[in-house]
C-alpha cells in the first residue's frame, strides 16, 4: 500500500509548470504584485510570463528534470549514485 501526502500527492514523478500554476492560482497576478512591486505595471497576462533576464531558464530546467527522470527509470548508475 502506498501513501502520499501533500497538496499534489501522487505516486509518480511530476514536473510542475510555474507559469501554468501562476496563471491558474493567481490569475490577476495579485500575489506576484504584492511581492514584486516592480512588476505591478505589467498586464494580468504579461505578469505570469518568464522575464528575459530571469536567472532560471524554465524550458532548460524542465528538459533537464525530464531527462534526469528518464535516466533514473533506466537505472543509469551516474544519476542514481550521484
Protein backbone atom coordinates (compact mmCIF):
# COMPACT_ATOMS: atom_id res chain seq x y z
CA UNK A 1 0.00 0.00 0.00
CA UNK A 2 1.34 3.42 -0.96
CA UNK A 3 0.59 6.57 0.97
CA UNK A 4 1.16 10.07 -0.31
CA UNK A 5 0.90 13.35 1.50
CA UNK A 6 0.71 16.92 0.36
CA UNK A 7 -1.30 19.14 -1.91
CA UNK A 8 -0.30 17.25 -5.04
CA UNK A 9 0.24 13.78 -3.67
CA UNK A 10 0.84 11.34 -6.49
CA UNK A 11 2.74 8.06 -6.81
CA UNK A 12 4.69 9.19 -9.87
CA UNK A 13 7.12 11.88 -10.93
CA UNK A 14 5.58 15.22 -11.84
CA UNK A 15 7.11 18.41 -13.20
CA UNK A 16 5.04 21.45 -12.32
CA UNK A 17 4.97 24.32 -14.78
CA UNK A 18 5.38 27.53 -12.75
CA UNK A 19 3.76 29.67 -15.46
CA UNK A 20 0.66 27.47 -15.64
CA UNK A 21 0.46 27.24 -11.85
CA UNK A 22 0.71 31.02 -11.57
CA UNK A 23 -1.95 31.61 -14.23
CA UNK A 24 -4.28 29.07 -12.62
CA UNK A 25 -3.91 30.05 -8.96
CA UNK A 26 -3.20 33.80 -9.28
CA UNK A 27 -4.98 34.81 -12.50
CA UNK A 28 -4.90 38.56 -11.79
CA UNK A 29 -1.29 38.46 -10.55
CA UNK A 30 -2.11 39.97 -7.14
CA UNK A 31 0.31 37.68 -5.26
CA UNK A 32 3.13 38.46 -7.69
CA UNK A 33 2.40 42.19 -7.49
CA UNK A 34 2.45 42.06 -3.68
CA UNK A 35 5.94 40.53 -3.60
CA UNK A 36 7.39 42.04 -6.77
CA UNK A 37 6.01 45.58 -6.94
CA UNK A 38 8.41 46.38 -9.79
CA UNK A 39 6.22 44.14 -11.98
CA UNK A 40 2.95 45.83 -10.99
CA UNK A 41 2.74 47.75 -14.28
CA UNK A 42 2.51 44.56 -16.34
CA UNK A 43 -0.83 43.30 -17.63
CA UNK A 44 -2.51 40.32 -15.96
CA UNK A 45 -1.28 38.15 -18.85
CA UNK A 46 2.29 39.50 -19.01
CA UNK A 47 2.93 39.21 -15.29
CA UNK A 48 2.94 35.41 -15.49
CA UNK A 49 5.43 35.13 -18.34
CA UNK A 50 9.11 34.44 -17.61
CA UNK A 51 11.29 37.55 -17.63
CA UNK A 52 14.01 37.63 -20.32
CA UNK A 53 16.63 38.36 -17.63
CA UNK A 54 15.45 35.53 -15.33
CA UNK A 55 18.18 33.52 -13.60
CA UNK A 56 16.28 30.27 -14.21
CA UNK A 57 15.63 29.07 -17.76
CA UNK A 58 12.30 27.26 -17.32
CA UNK A 59 12.48 25.36 -20.62
CA UNK A 60 16.01 24.16 -19.90
CA UNK A 61 15.28 23.19 -16.28
CA UNK A 62 12.15 21.28 -17.33
CA UNK A 63 14.06 19.39 -20.02
CA UNK A 64 16.81 18.56 -17.53
CA UNK A 65 14.29 17.30 -14.95
CA UNK A 66 12.59 15.06 -17.51
CA UNK A 67 15.90 13.68 -18.78
CA UNK A 68 17.07 13.00 -15.21
CA UNK A 69 13.83 11.13 -14.51
CA UNK A 70 14.26 9.04 -17.66
CA UNK A 71 17.80 8.18 -16.60
CA UNK A 72 16.55 7.14 -13.17
CA UNK A 73 13.98 4.87 -14.80
CA UNK A 74 16.71 3.34 -16.98
CA UNK A 75 18.80 2.81 -13.85
CA UNK A 76 21.76 4.82 -15.08
CA UNK A 77 24.39 4.44 -12.33
CA UNK A 78 25.73 8.02 -12.61
CA UNK A 79 22.36 9.52 -11.77
CA UNK A 80 21.49 7.09 -9.01
CA UNK A 81 24.85 7.22 -7.23
CA UNK A 82 25.43 10.91 -7.89
